[in-house]
């Protein structure tokens, strides 16, 4: 699991560094971090029991859908996020809240 955690931390660092570097040119850089998405090619072998376990562990008591993830991406593309850069947004129903 160390490789996953290290990679995730590197993506957060890269996002923040690129935001700082590209911000003066008006370019915003953000990270949309998806959890276990129901159902994708990557999660096609995940059993309903696992999805249920994950859902039970989230404050929203649901798993994340591809549409949930896409809506977050739409937010970052919209004018509503014009003042947002260097951020990591976890789309996971609150599973990984700090």
PDB file of N, CA and C in Angstrom:
ATOM      1  N   UNK A   1       0.829  -1.205   0.000  1.00  0.00           N
ATOM      2  CA  UNK A   1       0.000   0.000   0.000  1.00  0.00           C
ATOM      3  C   UNK A   1       0.862   1.253   0.000  1.00  0.00           C
ATOM      4  N   UNK A   2       2.142   1.105   0.352  1.00  0.00           N
ATOM      5  CA  UNK A   2       3.040   2.263   0.404  1.00  0.00           C
ATOM      6  C   UNK A   2       3.178   2.920  -0.958  1.00  0.00           C
ATOM      7  N   UNK A   3       3.164   2.131  -2.023  1.00  0.00           N
ATOM      8  CA  UNK A   3       3.327   2.704  -3.357  1.00  0.00           C
ATOM      9  C   UNK A   3       2.133   3.580  -3.729  1.00  0.00           C
ATOM     10  N   UNK A   4       0.939   3.149  -3.345  1.00  0.00           N
ATOM     11  CA  UNK A   4      -0.280   3.932  -3.599  1.00  0.00           C
ATOM     12  C   UNK A   4      -0.229   5.248  -2.821  1.00  0.00           C
ATOM     13  N   UNK A   5       0.093   5.170  -1.534  1.00  0.00           N
ATOM     14  CA  UNK A   5       0.142   6.371  -0.690  1.00  0.00           C
ATOM     15  C   UNK A   5       1.204   7.353  -1.170  1.00  0.00           C
ATOM     16  N   UNK A   6       2.344   6.840  -1.543  1.00  0.00           N
ATOM     17  CA  UNK A   6       3.427   7.694  -2.025  1.00  0.00           C
ATOM     18  C   UNK A   6       3.033   8.394  -3.317  1.00  0.00           C
ATOM     19  N   UNK A   7       2.407   7.670  -4.219  1.00  0.00           N
ATOM     20  CA  UNK A   7       1.968   8.249  -5.487  1.00  0.00           C
ATOM     21  C   UNK A   7       0.921   9.321  -5.264  1.00  0.00           C
ATOM     22  N   UNK A   8      -0.021   9.053  -4.370  1.00  0.00           N
ATOM     23  CA  UNK A   8      -1.079  10.028  -4.082  1.00  0.00           C
ATOM     24  C   UNK A   8      -0.476  11.313  -3.513  1.00  0.00           C
ATOM     25  N   UNK A   9       0.468  11.174  -2.594  1.00  0.00           N
ATOM     26  CA  UNK A   9       1.129  12.342  -2.014  1.00  0.00           C
ATOM     27  C   UNK A   9       1.900  13.119  -3.084  1.00  0.00           C
ATOM     28  N   UNK A  10       2.516  12.401  -4.005  1.00  0.00           N
ATOM     29  CA  UNK A  10       3.258  13.053  -5.088  1.00  0.00           C
ATOM     30  C   UNK A  10       2.318  13.853  -5.988  1.00  0.00           C
ATOM     31  N   UNK A  11       1.138  13.324  -6.258  1.00  0.00           N
ATOM     32  CA  UNK A  11       0.165  14.044  -7.085  1.00  0.00           C
ATOM     33  C   UNK A  11      -0.303  15.324  -6.403  1.00  0.00           C
ATOM     34  N   UNK A  12      -0.509  15.269  -5.094  1.00  0.00           N
ATOM     35  CA  UNK A  12      -0.902  16.469  -4.349  1.00  0.00           C
ATOM     36  C   UNK A  12       0.212  17.506  -4.428  1.00  0.00           C
ATOM     37  N   UNK A  13       1.453  17.076  -4.232  1.00  0.00           N
ATOM     38  CA  UNK A  13       2.588  17.994  -4.320  1.00  0.00           C
ATOM     39  C   UNK A  13       2.742  18.588  -5.707  1.00  0.00           C
ATOM     40  N   UNK A  14       2.598  17.761  -6.723  1.00  0.00           N
ATOM     41  CA  UNK A  14       2.696  18.241  -8.099  1.00  0.00           C
ATOM     42  C   UNK A  14       1.604  19.264  -8.395  1.00  0.00           C
ATOM     43  N   UNK A  15       0.398  18.991  -7.931  1.00  0.00           N
ATOM     44  CA  UNK A  15      -0.726  19.909  -8.135  1.00  0.00           C
ATOM     45  C   UNK A  15      -0.425  21.265  -7.523  1.00  0.00           C
ATOM     46  N   UNK A  16       0.069  21.273  -6.300  1.00  0.00           N
ATOM     47  CA  UNK A  16       0.366  22.534  -5.618  1.00  0.00           C
ATOM     48  C   UNK A  16       1.506  23.285  -6.303  1.00  0.00           C
ATOM     49  N   UNK A  17       2.537  22.572  -6.701  1.00  0.00           N
ATOM     50  CA  UNK A  17       3.667  23.218  -7.376  1.00  0.00           C
ATOM     51  C   UNK A  17       3.271  23.793  -8.727  1.00  0.00           C
ATOM     52  N   UNK A  18       2.498  23.033  -9.495  1.00  0.00           N
ATOM     53  CA  UNK A  18       2.054  23.538 -10.799  1.00  0.00           C
ATOM     54  C   UNK A  18       1.125  24.739 -10.632  1.00  0.00           C
ATOM     55  N   UNK A  19       0.279  24.708  -9.608  1.00  0.00           N
ATOM     56  CA  UNK A  19      -0.622  25.835  -9.360  1.00  0.00           C
ATOM     57  C   UNK A  19       0.183  27.104  -9.074  1.00  0.00           C
ATOM     58  N   UNK A  20       1.220  26.964  -8.280  1.00  0.00           N
ATOM     59  CA  UNK A  20       2.077  28.116  -7.949  1.00  0.00           C
ATOM     60  C   UNK A  20       2.822  28.610  -9.180  1.00  0.00           C
ATOM     61  N   UNK A  21       3.333  27.688  -9.968  1.00  0.00           N
ATOM     62  CA  UNK A  21       4.123  28.045 -11.140  1.00  0.00           C
ATOM     63  C   UNK A  21       3.271  28.639 -12.261  1.00  0.00           C
ATOM     64  N   UNK A  22       2.082  28.096 -12.472  1.00  0.00           N
ATOM     65  CA  UNK A  22       1.255  28.499 -13.612  1.00  0.00           C
ATOM     66  C   UNK A  22       0.206  29.555 -13.271  1.00  0.00           C
ATOM     67  N   UNK A  23      -0.012  29.777 -11.973  1.00  0.00           N
ATOM     68  CA  UNK A  23      -1.007  30.756 -11.543  1.00  0.00           C
ATOM     69  C   UNK A  23      -0.818  32.137 -12.136  1.00  0.00           C
ATOM     70  N   UNK A  24       0.403  32.668 -12.166  1.00  0.00           N
ATOM     71  CA  UNK A  24       0.593  34.004 -12.736  1.00  0.00           C
ATOM     72  C   UNK A  24       0.158  34.127 -14.205  1.00  0.00           C
ATOM     73  N   UNK A  25       0.049  33.009 -14.888  1.00  0.00           N
ATOM     74  CA  UNK A  25      -0.404  33.015 -16.285  1.00  0.00           C
ATOM     75  C   UNK A  25      -1.914  32.779 -16.381  1.00  0.00           C
ATOM     76  N   UNK A  26      -2.581  32.745 -15.228  1.00  0.00           N
ATOM     77  CA  UNK A  26      -4.028  32.553 -15.210  1.00  0.00           C
ATOM     78  C   UNK A  26      -4.455  31.104 -15.349  1.00  0.00           C
ATOM     79  N   UNK A  27      -3.514  30.190 -15.190  1.00  0.00           N
ATOM     80  CA  UNK A  27      -3.827  28.760 -15.315  1.00  0.00           C
ATOM     81  C   UNK A  27      -4.039  28.179 -13.925  1.00  0.00           C
ATOM     82  N   UNK A  28      -5.203  27.573 -13.743  1.00  0.00           N
ATOM     83  CA  UNK A  28      -5.518  26.931 -12.476  1.00  0.00           C
ATOM     84  C   UNK A  28      -5.231  25.444 -12.572  1.00  0.00           C
ATOM     85  N   UNK A  29      -4.704  24.871 -11.500  1.00  0.00           N
ATOM     86  CA  UNK A  29      -4.389  23.442 -11.454  1.00  0.00           C
ATOM     87  C   UNK A  29      -5.002  22.873 -10.185  1.00  0.00           C
ATOM     88  N   UNK A  30      -5.853  21.876 -10.347  1.00  0.00           N
ATOM     89  CA  UNK A  30      -6.499  21.213  -9.218  1.00  0.00           C
ATOM     90  C   UNK A  30      -6.485  19.711  -9.448  1.00  0.00           C
ATOM     91  N   UNK A  31      -6.679  18.985  -8.366  1.00  0.00           N
ATOM     92  CA  UNK A  31      -6.672  17.525  -8.419  1.00  0.00           C
ATOM     93  C   UNK A  31      -8.026  16.996  -7.976  1.00  0.00           C
ATOM     94  N   UNK A  32      -8.634  16.182  -8.791  1.00  0.00           N
ATOM     95  CA  UNK A  32      -9.871  15.504  -8.421  1.00  0.00           C
ATOM     96  C   UNK A  32      -9.486  14.061  -8.104  1.00  0.00           C
ATOM     97  N   UNK A  33      -9.634  13.700  -6.840  1.00  0.00           N
ATOM     98  CA  UNK A  33      -9.205  12.387  -6.371  1.00  0.00           C
ATOM     99  C   UNK A  33     -10.423  11.504  -6.134  1.00  0.00           C
ATOM    100  N   UNK A  34     -10.581  10.539  -6.983  1.00  0.00           N
ATOM    101  CA  UNK A  34     -11.711   9.623  -6.841  1.00  0.00           C
ATOM    102  C   UNK A  34     -11.352   8.439  -5.975  1.00  0.00           C
ATOM    103  N   UNK A  35     -12.311   7.958  -5.272  1.00  0.00           N
ATOM    104  CA  UNK A  35     -12.124   6.733  -4.507  1.00  0.00           C
ATOM    105  C   UNK A  35     -12.552   5.550  -5.360  1.00  0.00           C
ATOM    106  N   UNK A  36     -13.138   4.586  -4.723  1.00  0.00           N
ATOM    107  CA  UNK A  36     -13.671   3.422  -5.433  1.00  0.00           C
ATOM    108  C   UNK A  36     -14.924   3.855  -6.177  1.00  0.00           C
ATOM    109  N   UNK A  37     -14.845   3.871  -7.506  1.00  0.00           N
ATOM    110  CA  UNK A  37     -15.985   4.299  -8.315  1.00  0.00           C
ATOM    111  C   UNK A  37     -16.831   3.105  -8.716  1.00  0.00           C
ATOM    112  N   UNK A  38     -18.122   3.278  -8.614  1.00  0.00           N
ATOM    113  CA  UNK A  38     -19.064   2.198  -8.937  1.00  0.00           C
ATOM    114  C   UNK A  38     -19.687   2.485 -10.294  1.00  0.00           C
ATOM    115  N   UNK A  39     -19.626   1.704 -11.144  1.00  0.00           N
ATOM    116  CA  UNK A  39     -18.791   0.649 -11.636  1.00  0.00           C
ATOM    117  C   UNK A  39     -17.986   1.129 -12.804  1.00  0.00           C
ATOM    118  N   UNK A  40     -16.733   0.804 -12.821  1.00  0.00           N
ATOM    119  CA  UNK A  40     -15.833   1.153 -13.917  1.00  0.00           C
ATOM    120  C   UNK A  40     -15.070  -0.103 -14.310  1.00  0.00           C
ATOM    121  N   UNK A  41     -14.285  -0.005 -15.354  1.00  0.00           N
ATOM    122  CA  UNK A  41     -13.453  -1.143 -15.727  1.00  0.00           C
ATOM    123  C   UNK A  41     -12.536  -1.539 -14.575  1.00  0.00           C
ATOM    124  N   UNK A  42     -12.015  -0.518 -13.872  1.00  0.00           N
ATOM    125  CA  UNK A  42     -11.087  -0.790 -12.770  1.00  0.00           C
ATOM    126  C   UNK A  42     -11.768  -1.470 -11.583  1.00  0.00           C
ATOM    127  N   UNK A  43     -13.060  -1.225 -11.407  1.00  0.00           N
ATOM    128  CA  UNK A  43     -13.766  -1.831 -10.270  1.00  0.00           C
ATOM    129  C   UNK A  43     -14.710  -2.951 -10.685  1.00  0.00           C
ATOM    130  N   UNK A  44     -14.574  -3.415 -11.898  1.00  0.00           N
ATOM    131  CA  UNK A  44     -15.512  -4.420 -12.418  1.00  0.00           C
ATOM    132  C   UNK A  44     -15.479  -5.739 -11.646  1.00  0.00           C
ATOM    133  N   UNK A  45     -14.366  -6.039 -11.006  1.00  0.00           N
ATOM    134  CA  UNK A  45     -14.268  -7.276 -10.237  1.00  0.00           C
ATOM    135  C   UNK A  45     -14.625  -7.090  -8.765  1.00  0.00           C
ATOM    136  N   UNK A  46     -14.938  -5.870  -8.386  1.00  0.00           N
ATOM    137  CA  UNK A  46     -15.311  -5.580  -6.998  1.00  0.00           C
ATOM    138  C   UNK A  46     -16.704  -6.134  -6.732  1.00  0.00           C
ATOM    139  N   UNK A  47     -16.838  -6.861  -5.650  1.00  0.00           N
ATOM    140  CA  UNK A  47     -18.116  -7.503  -5.326  1.00  0.00           C
ATOM    141  C   UNK A  47     -19.087  -6.500  -4.710  1.00  0.00           C
ATOM    142  N   UNK A  48     -20.380  -6.789  -4.805  1.00  0.00           N
ATOM    143  CA  UNK A  48     -21.372  -5.928  -4.151  1.00  0.00           C
ATOM    144  C   UNK A  48     -21.123  -5.803  -2.642  1.00  0.00           C
ATOM    145  N   UNK A  49     -20.582  -6.856  -2.036  1.00  0.00           N
ATOM    146  CA  UNK A  49     -20.297  -6.813  -0.594  1.00  0.00           C
ATOM    147  C   UNK A  49     -19.234  -5.753  -0.281  1.00  0.00           C
ATOM    148  N   UNK A  50     -18.228  -5.666  -1.140  1.00  0.00           N
ATOM    149  CA  UNK A  50     -17.178  -4.662  -0.928  1.00  0.00           C
ATOM    150  C   UNK A  50     -17.752  -3.259  -1.111  1.00  0.00           C
ATOM    151  N   UNK A  51     -18.553  -3.071  -2.153  1.00  0.00           N
ATOM    152  CA  UNK A  51     -19.193  -1.768  -2.339  1.00  0.00           C
ATOM    153  C   UNK A  51     -20.050  -1.424  -1.122  1.00  0.00           C
ATOM    154  N   UNK A  52     -20.755  -2.391  -0.577  1.00  0.00           N
ATOM    155  CA  UNK A  52     -21.571  -2.175   0.617  1.00  0.00           C
ATOM    156  C   UNK A  52     -20.726  -1.808   1.820  1.00  0.00           C
ATOM    157  N   UNK A  53     -19.591  -2.480   1.980  1.00  0.00           N
ATOM    158  CA  UNK A  53     -18.679  -2.190   3.084  1.00  0.00           C
ATOM    159  C   UNK A  53     -18.154  -0.757   2.981  1.00  0.00           C
ATOM    160  N   UNK A  54     -17.761  -0.359   1.773  1.00  0.00           N
ATOM    161  CA  UNK A  54     -17.261   0.999   1.553  1.00  0.00           C
ATOM    162  C   UNK A  54     -18.370   2.020   1.824  1.00  0.00           C
ATOM    163  N   UNK A  55     -19.552   1.765   1.307  1.00  0.00           N
ATOM    164  CA  UNK A  55     -20.673   2.684   1.533  1.00  0.00           C
ATOM    165  C   UNK A  55     -20.965   2.841   3.022  1.00  0.00           C
ATOM    166  N   UNK A  56     -20.928   1.762   3.759  1.00  0.00           N
ATOM    167  CA  UNK A  56     -21.198   1.819   5.197  1.00  0.00           C
ATOM    168  C   UNK A  56     -20.143   2.620   5.950  1.00  0.00           C
ATOM    169  N   UNK A  57     -18.950   2.749   5.377  1.00  0.00           N
ATOM    170  CA  UNK A  57     -17.875   3.483   6.026  1.00  0.00           C
ATOM    171  C   UNK A  57     -17.841   4.967   5.698  1.00  0.00           C
ATOM    172  N   UNK A  58     -18.782   5.435   4.886  1.00  0.00           N
ATOM    173  CA  UNK A  58     -18.802   6.848   4.518  1.00  0.00           C
ATOM    174  C   UNK A  58     -19.925   7.567   5.259  1.00  0.00           C
ATOM    175  N   UNK A  59     -19.734   8.839   5.576  1.00  0.00           N
ATOM    176  CA  UNK A  59     -20.804   9.603   6.207  1.00  0.00           C
ATOM    177  C   UNK A  59     -22.074   9.677   5.357  1.00  0.00           C
ATOM    178  N   UNK A  60     -21.925   9.660   4.035  1.00  0.00           N
ATOM    179  CA  UNK A  60     -23.089   9.732   3.151  1.00  0.00           C
ATOM    180  C   UNK A  60     -23.747   8.378   2.914  1.00  0.00           C
ATOM    181  N   UNK A  61     -23.098   7.318   3.384  1.00  0.00           N
ATOM    182  CA  UNK A  61     -23.611   5.942   3.245  1.00  0.00           C
ATOM    183  C   UNK A  61     -23.893   5.572   1.790  1.00  0.00           C
ATOM    184  N   UNK A  62     -22.951   5.982   0.919  1.00  0.00           N
ATOM    185  CA  UNK A  62     -23.085   5.631  -0.496  1.00  0.00           C
ATOM    186  C   UNK A  62     -21.708   5.522  -1.118  1.00  0.00           C
ATOM    187  N   UNK A  63     -21.623   4.766  -2.171  1.00  0.00           N
ATOM    188  CA  UNK A  63     -20.391   4.729  -2.938  1.00  0.00           C
ATOM    189  C   UNK A  63     -20.438   5.836  -3.975  1.00  0.00           C
ATOM    190  N   UNK A  64     -19.302   6.120  -4.536  1.00  0.00           N
ATOM    191  CA  UNK A  64     -19.186   7.196  -5.510  1.00  0.00           C
ATOM    192  C   UNK A  64     -19.418   6.646  -6.908  1.00  0.00           C
ATOM    193  N   UNK A  65     -20.208   7.365  -7.672  1.00  0.00           N
ATOM    194  CA  UNK A  65     -20.472   6.963  -9.051  1.00  0.00           C
ATOM    195  C   UNK A  65     -19.583   7.756 -10.003  1.00  0.00           C
ATOM    196  N   UNK A  66     -19.506   7.288 -11.215  1.00  0.00           N
ATOM    197  CA  UNK A  66     -18.767   8.012 -12.241  1.00  0.00           C
ATOM    198  C   UNK A  66     -19.383   9.397 -12.421  1.00  0.00           C
ATOM    199  N   UNK A  67     -20.696   9.495 -12.335  1.00  0.00           N
ATOM    200  CA  UNK A  67     -21.368  10.786 -12.466  1.00  0.00           C
ATOM    201  C   UNK A  67     -20.969  11.733 -11.332  1.00  0.00           C
ATOM    202  N   UNK A  68     -20.877  11.224 -10.101  1.00  0.00           N
ATOM    203  CA  UNK A  68     -20.418  12.050  -8.975  1.00  0.00           C
ATOM    204  C   UNK A  68     -19.047  12.641  -9.287  1.00  0.00           C
ATOM    205  N   UNK A  69     -18.159  11.802  -9.772  1.00  0.00           N
ATOM    206  CA  UNK A  69     -16.794  12.227 -10.108  1.00  0.00           C
ATOM    207  C   UNK A  69     -16.822  13.268 -11.225  1.00  0.00           C
ATOM    208  N   UNK A  70     -17.625  13.009 -12.249  1.00  0.00           N
ATOM    209  CA  UNK A  70     -17.710  13.925 -13.391  1.00  0.00           C
ATOM    210  C   UNK A  70     -18.240  15.291 -12.965  1.00  0.00           C
ATOM    211  N   UNK A  71     -19.198  15.320 -12.059  1.00  0.00           N
ATOM    212  CA  UNK A  71     -19.759  16.596 -11.587  1.00  0.00           C
ATOM    213  C   UNK A  71     -18.694  17.447 -10.903  1.00  0.00           C
ATOM    214  N   UNK A  72     -17.779  16.821 -10.173  1.00  0.00           N
ATOM    215  CA  UNK A  72     -16.679  17.558  -9.541  1.00  0.00           C
ATOM    216  C   UNK A  72     -15.763  18.153 -10.607  1.00  0.00           C
ATOM    217  N   UNK A  73     -15.521  17.394 -11.656  1.00  0.00           N
ATOM    218  CA  UNK A  73     -14.697  17.899 -12.762  1.00  0.00           C
ATOM    219  C   UNK A  73     -15.377  19.087 -13.437  1.00  0.00           C
ATOM    220  N   UNK A  74     -16.680  19.019 -13.588  1.00  0.00           N
ATOM    221  CA  UNK A  74     -17.433  20.127 -14.178  1.00  0.00           C
ATOM    222  C   UNK A  74     -17.290  21.376 -13.311  1.00  0.00           C
ATOM    223  N   UNK A  75     -17.323  21.204 -11.979  1.00  0.00           N
ATOM    224  CA  UNK A  75     -17.140  22.343 -11.080  1.00  0.00           C
ATOM    225  C   UNK A  75     -15.808  23.035 -11.356  1.00  0.00           C
ATOM    226  N   UNK A  76     -14.734  22.268 -11.448  1.00  0.00           N
ATOM    227  CA  UNK A  76     -13.425  22.872 -11.675  1.00  0.00           C
ATOM    228  C   UNK A  76     -13.315  23.524 -13.050  1.00  0.00           C
ATOM    229  N   UNK A  77     -14.116  23.100 -13.988  1.00  0.00           N
ATOM    230  CA  UNK A  77     -14.109  23.703 -15.321  1.00  0.00           C
ATOM    231  C   UNK A  77     -15.011  24.936 -15.399  1.00  0.00           C
ATOM    232  N   UNK A  78     -15.869  25.113 -14.393  1.00  0.00           N
ATOM    233  CA  UNK A  78     -16.847  26.200 -14.409  1.00  0.00           C
ATOM    234  C   UNK A  78     -16.274  27.489 -13.823  1.00  0.00           C
ATOM    235  N   UNK A  79     -16.933  28.589 -14.127  1.00  0.00           N
ATOM    236  CA  UNK A  79     -16.523  29.887 -13.588  1.00  0.00           C
ATOM    237  C   UNK A  79     -16.649  29.931 -12.075  1.00  0.00           C
ATOM    238  N   UNK A  80     -17.475  29.091 -11.508  1.00  0.00           N
ATOM    239  CA  UNK A  80     -17.655  29.076 -10.051  1.00  0.00           C
ATOM    240  C   UNK A  80     -16.353  28.764  -9.321  1.00  0.00           C
ATOM    241  N   UNK A  81     -15.403  28.156 -10.007  1.00  0.00           N
ATOM    242  CA  UNK A  81     -14.129  27.804  -9.369  1.00  0.00           C
ATOM    243  C   UNK A  81     -12.980  28.696  -9.837  1.00  0.00           C
ATOM    244  N   UNK A  82     -13.290  29.862 -10.376  1.00  0.00           N
ATOM    245  CA  UNK A  82     -12.248  30.748 -10.904  1.00  0.00           C
ATOM    246  C   UNK A  82     -11.193  31.139  -9.869  1.00  0.00           C
ATOM    247  N   UNK A  83     -11.530  31.125  -8.600  1.00  0.00           N
ATOM    248  CA  UNK A  83     -10.577  31.507  -7.555  1.00  0.00           C
ATOM    249  C   UNK A  83      -9.997  30.291  -6.839  1.00  0.00           C
ATOM    250  N   UNK A  84     -10.151  29.108  -7.428  1.00  0.00           N
ATOM    251  CA  UNK A  84      -9.687  27.871  -6.795  1.00  0.00           C
ATOM    252  C   UNK A  84      -8.507  27.312  -7.583  1.00  0.00           C
ATOM    253  N   UNK A  85      -7.394  27.122  -6.905  1.00  0.00           N
ATOM    254  CA  UNK A  85      -6.237  26.485  -7.528  1.00  0.00           C
ATOM    255  C   UNK A  85      -5.385  25.825  -6.452  1.00  0.00           C
ATOM    256  N   UNK A  86      -4.675  24.788  -6.851  1.00  0.00           N
ATOM    257  CA  UNK A  86      -3.789  24.080  -5.924  1.00  0.00           C
ATOM    258  C   UNK A  86      -4.508  23.185  -4.940  1.00  0.00           C
ATOM    259  N   UNK A  87      -5.741  22.850  -5.233  1.00  0.00           N
ATOM    260  CA  UNK A  87      -6.547  22.078  -4.292  1.00  0.00           C
ATOM    261  C   UNK A  87      -6.706  20.622  -4.737  1.00  0.00           C
ATOM    262  N   UNK A  88      -6.884  19.773  -3.743  1.00  0.00           N
ATOM    263  CA  UNK A  88      -7.193  18.366  -3.987  1.00  0.00           C
ATOM    264  C   UNK A  88      -8.577  18.101  -3.425  1.00  0.00           C
ATOM    265  N   UNK A  89      -9.472  17.657  -4.276  1.00  0.00           N
ATOM    266  CA  UNK A  89     -10.844  17.386  -3.860  1.00  0.00           C
ATOM    267  C   UNK A  89     -11.100  15.885  -3.927  1.00  0.00           C
ATOM    268  N   UNK A  90     -11.372  15.297  -2.781  1.00  0.00           N
ATOM    269  CA  UNK A  90     -11.650  13.859  -2.711  1.00  0.00           C
ATOM    270  C   UNK A  90     -13.130  13.630  -2.955  1.00  0.00           C
ATOM    271  N   UNK A  91     -13.425  12.845  -3.966  1.00  0.00           N
ATOM    272  CA  UNK A  91     -14.800  12.508  -4.305  1.00  0.00           C
ATOM    273  C   UNK A  91     -15.017  11.074  -3.857  1.00  0.00           C
ATOM    274  N   UNK A  92     -15.372  10.927  -2.584  1.00  0.00           N
ATOM    275  CA  UNK A  92     -15.486   9.578  -2.021  1.00  0.00           C
ATOM    276  C   UNK A  92     -16.541   9.462  -0.935  1.00  0.00           C
ATOM    277  N   UNK A  93     -17.487  10.384  -0.916  1.00  0.00           N
ATOM    278  CA  UNK A  93     -18.550  10.328   0.083  1.00  0.00           C
ATOM    279  C   UNK A  93     -18.085  10.617   1.505  1.00  0.00           C
ATOM    280  N   UNK A  94     -16.873  11.154   1.639  1.00  0.00           N
ATOM    281  CA  UNK A  94     -16.334  11.452   2.962  1.00  0.00           C
ATOM    282  C   UNK A  94     -15.495  10.338   3.561  1.00  0.00           C
ATOM    283  N   UNK A  95     -15.228   9.308   2.788  1.00  0.00           N
ATOM    284  CA  UNK A  95     -14.483   8.148   3.300  1.00  0.00           C
ATOM    285  C   UNK A  95     -13.107   8.540   3.819  1.00  0.00           C
ATOM    286  N   UNK A  96     -12.435   9.460   3.139  1.00  0.00           N
ATOM    287  CA  UNK A  96     -11.072   9.806   3.523  1.00  0.00           C
ATOM    288  C   UNK A  96     -10.976  11.179   4.180  1.00  0.00           C
ATOM    289  N   UNK A  97     -12.024  11.594   4.869  1.00  0.00           N
ATOM    290  CA  UNK A  97     -11.967  12.887   5.559  1.00  0.00           C
ATOM    291  C   UNK A  97     -10.802  12.917   6.531  1.00  0.00           C
ATOM    292  N   UNK A  98     -10.123  14.084   6.601  1.00  0.00           N
ATOM    293  CA  UNK A  98      -9.026  14.192   7.576  1.00  0.00           C
ATOM    294  C   UNK A  98      -9.550  14.147   9.004  1.00  0.00           C
TER     295      UNK A  98
END
